[in-house]
Amino acid sequence: MHLHVAPLTAFGVVAATAATDAVYVMFSSAVLQKRRVSAANWSGLWYLLSSFAVISYTQNWVYVLFAAVGSWLGAYASITFLRHPRLRSGRSAPADDGTAA
């Protein structure tokens, strides 16, 4: 069993998956808004970012945990960004603090 964790690689996996999830949310937003060029740009960036994390954690399964943390952080941050009042198109988003069923 290979459990050695390189801190720099672990940070890289967290950062790469956080960025990947944030880009995925932006891609999904562009698709919902039917913005073709924006969706295509986000999609290309999504694949570029995800490759680092996949290559890193396929060498050591422990990095999957860091990938999960990064994924959570990226999705949370990007939804926070999309809900920012100046960035919304005049519509208010309902609060989602995780307590709703």
C-alpha atoms as a PDB file:
ATOM      1  CA  MET A   1       0.000   0.000   0.000  1.00  0.00           C
ATOM      2  CA  HIS A   2       1.420   3.342  -1.106  1.00  0.00           C
ATOM      3  CA  LEU A   3       0.411   6.088   1.358  1.00  0.00           C
ATOM      4  CA  HIS A   4       3.191   8.660   0.933  1.00  0.00           C
ATOM      5  CA  VAL A   5       1.742  12.110   0.226  1.00  0.00           C
ATOM      6  CA  ALA A   6       3.825  14.867  -1.332  1.00  0.00           C
ATOM      7  CA  PRO A   7       2.428  18.151   0.049  1.00  0.00           C
ATOM      8  CA  LEU A   8       3.047  20.095  -3.167  1.00  0.00           C
ATOM      9  CA  THR A   9       1.296  17.437  -5.269  1.00  0.00           C
ATOM     10  CA  ALA A  10      -1.592  17.296  -2.775  1.00  0.00           C
ATOM     11  CA  PHE A  11      -1.979  21.080  -2.990  1.00  0.00           C
ATOM     12  CA  GLY A  12      -1.791  20.865  -6.779  1.00  0.00           C
ATOM     13  CA  VAL A  13      -4.554  18.248  -6.858  1.00  0.00           C
ATOM     14  CA  VAL A  14      -6.772  20.363  -4.567  1.00  0.00           C
ATOM     15  CA  ALA A  15      -6.139  23.477  -6.679  1.00  0.00           C
ATOM     16  CA  ALA A  16      -6.630  21.663  -9.987  1.00  0.00           C
ATOM     17  CA  THR A  17      -9.884  20.015  -8.934  1.00  0.00           C
ATOM     18  CA  ALA A  18     -11.182  23.234  -7.363  1.00  0.00           C
ATOM     19  CA  ALA A  19     -10.472  25.068 -10.604  1.00  0.00           C
ATOM     20  CA  THR A  20     -11.914  22.178 -12.637  1.00  0.00           C
ATOM     21  CA  ASP A  21     -15.173  22.204 -10.687  1.00  0.00           C
ATOM     22  CA  ALA A  22     -15.419  25.994 -10.868  1.00  0.00           C
ATOM     23  CA  VAL A  23     -14.887  25.836 -14.629  1.00  0.00           C
ATOM     24  CA  TYR A  24     -17.479  23.048 -14.905  1.00  0.00           C
ATOM     25  CA  VAL A  25     -20.049  25.225 -13.135  1.00  0.00           C
ATOM     26  CA  MET A  26     -19.218  28.130 -15.466  1.00  0.00           C
ATOM     27  CA  PHE A  27     -19.508  25.751 -18.443  1.00  0.00           C
ATOM     28  CA  SER A  28     -22.914  24.568 -17.235  1.00  0.00           C
ATOM     29  CA  SER A  29     -24.045  28.153 -16.747  1.00  0.00           C
ATOM     30  CA  ALA A  30     -22.970  29.046 -20.285  1.00  0.00           C
ATOM     31  CA  VAL A  31     -24.814  26.007 -21.675  1.00  0.00           C
ATOM     32  CA  LEU A  32     -28.005  26.941 -19.816  1.00  0.00           C
ATOM     33  CA  GLN A  33     -27.722  30.457 -21.239  1.00  0.00           C
ATOM     34  CA  LYS A  34     -27.088  28.970 -24.725  1.00  0.00           C
ATOM     35  CA  ARG A  35     -23.805  30.882 -25.112  1.00  0.00           C
ATOM     36  CA  ARG A  36     -21.960  28.636 -27.596  1.00  0.00           C
ATOM     37  CA  VAL A  37     -18.519  30.267 -27.676  1.00  0.00           C
ATOM     38  CA  SER A  38     -18.400  30.715 -23.922  1.00  0.00           C
ATOM     39  CA  ALA A  39     -19.514  27.108 -23.334  1.00  0.00           C
ATOM     40  CA  ALA A  40     -16.908  25.833 -25.793  1.00  0.00           C
ATOM     41  CA  ASN A  41     -14.145  27.886 -24.135  1.00  0.00           C
ATOM     42  CA  TRP A  42     -15.095  26.689 -20.655  1.00  0.00           C
ATOM     43  CA  SER A  43     -15.256  23.103 -21.920  1.00  0.00           C
ATOM     44  CA  GLY A  44     -11.723  23.225 -23.340  1.00  0.00           C
ATOM     45  CA  LEU A  45     -10.371  24.717 -20.129  1.00  0.00           C
ATOM     46  CA  TRP A  46     -12.251  22.074 -18.123  1.00  0.00           C
ATOM     47  CA  TYR A  47     -10.372  19.268 -19.888  1.00  0.00           C
ATOM     48  CA  LEU A  48      -6.998  20.961 -19.560  1.00  0.00           C
ATOM     49  CA  LEU A  49      -7.395  21.428 -15.804  1.00  0.00           C
ATOM     50  CA  SER A  50      -8.778  17.979 -15.104  1.00  0.00           C
ATOM     51  CA  SER A  51      -5.800  16.261 -16.700  1.00  0.00           C
ATOM     52  CA  PHE A  52      -3.386  17.352 -13.937  1.00  0.00           C
ATOM     53  CA  ALA A  53      -5.547  15.956 -11.142  1.00  0.00           C
ATOM     54  CA  VAL A  54      -6.231  12.682 -12.940  1.00  0.00           C
ATOM     55  CA  ILE A  55      -2.572  12.109 -13.746  1.00  0.00           C
ATOM     56  CA  SER A  56      -1.607  12.929 -10.149  1.00  0.00           C
ATOM     57  CA  TYR A  57      -4.082  10.707  -8.350  1.00  0.00           C
ATOM     58  CA  THR A  58      -3.849   7.725 -10.665  1.00  0.00           C
ATOM     59  CA  GLN A  59      -0.316   7.297  -9.338  1.00  0.00           C
ATOM     60  CA  ASN A  60      -1.541   7.251  -5.715  1.00  0.00           C
ATOM     61  CA  TRP A  61      -5.172   6.687  -4.651  1.00  0.00           C
ATOM     62  CA  VAL A  62      -4.739   8.902  -1.562  1.00  0.00           C
ATOM     63  CA  TYR A  63      -4.844  11.947  -3.848  1.00  0.00           C
ATOM     64  CA  VAL A  64      -8.474  11.136  -4.658  1.00  0.00           C
ATOM     65  CA  LEU A  65      -9.301  12.540  -1.199  1.00  0.00           C
ATOM     66  CA  PHE A  66      -7.543  15.787  -2.108  1.00  0.00           C
ATOM     67  CA  ALA A  67      -9.426  15.802  -5.416  1.00  0.00           C
ATOM     68  CA  ALA A  68     -12.736  15.500  -3.544  1.00  0.00           C
ATOM     69  CA  VAL A  69     -11.826  18.450  -1.297  1.00  0.00           C
ATOM     70  CA  GLY A  70     -10.851  20.534  -4.304  1.00  0.00           C
ATOM     71  CA  SER A  71     -14.033  19.600  -6.123  1.00  0.00           C
ATOM     72  CA  TRP A  72     -16.182  20.699  -3.192  1.00  0.00           C
ATOM     73  CA  LEU A  73     -14.274  23.982  -2.839  1.00  0.00           C
ATOM     74  CA  GLY A  74     -14.492  24.738  -6.545  1.00  0.00           C
ATOM     75  CA  ALA A  75     -18.232  24.140  -6.799  1.00  0.00           C
ATOM     76  CA  TYR A  76     -18.936  26.146  -3.645  1.00  0.00           C
ATOM     77  CA  ALA A  77     -16.773  29.088  -4.768  1.00  0.00           C
ATOM     78  CA  SER A  78     -18.158  29.195  -8.287  1.00  0.00           C
ATOM     79  CA  ILE A  79     -21.785  29.140  -7.126  1.00  0.00           C
ATOM     80  CA  THR A  80     -20.908  31.917  -4.673  1.00  0.00           C
ATOM     81  CA  PHE A  81     -19.427  33.866  -7.593  1.00  0.00           C
ATOM     82  CA  LEU A  82     -22.510  33.287  -9.771  1.00  0.00           C
ATOM     83  CA  ARG A  83     -24.826  34.419  -6.962  1.00  0.00           C
ATOM     84  CA  HIS A  84     -22.995  37.717  -6.438  1.00  0.00           C
ATOM     85  CA  PRO A  85     -25.545  40.556  -6.852  1.00  0.00           C
ATOM     86  CA  ARG A  86     -23.500  42.484  -9.426  1.00  0.00           C
ATOM     87  CA  LEU A  87     -23.009  39.361 -11.552  1.00  0.00           C
ATOM     88  CA  ARG A  88     -26.603  38.196 -11.657  1.00  0.00           C
ATOM     89  CA  SER A  89     -28.881  39.401 -14.398  1.00  0.00           C
ATOM     90  CA  GLY A  90     -31.370  41.013 -12.024  1.00  0.00           C
ATOM     91  CA  ARG A  91     -32.708  37.695 -10.750  1.00  0.00           C
ATOM     92  CA  SER A  92     -32.291  36.615  -7.156  1.00  0.00           C
ATOM     93  CA  ALA A  93     -31.216  33.062  -6.419  1.00  0.00           C
ATOM     94  CA  PRO A  94     -32.768  31.197  -3.492  1.00  0.00           C
ATOM     95  CA  ALA A  95     -30.452  30.554  -0.573  1.00  0.00           C
ATOM     96  CA  ASP A  96     -28.988  27.069  -0.359  1.00  0.00           C
ATOM     97  CA  ASP A  97     -27.205  26.545   2.910  1.00  0.00           C
ATOM     98  CA  GLY A  98     -27.470  22.770   2.710  1.00  0.00           C
ATOM     99  CA  THR A  99     -30.362  22.546   5.181  1.00  0.00           C
ATOM    100  CA  ALA A 100     -33.143  22.116   2.606  1.00  0.00           C
ATOM    101  CA  ALA A 101     -34.224  18.588   1.777  1.00  0.00           C
END
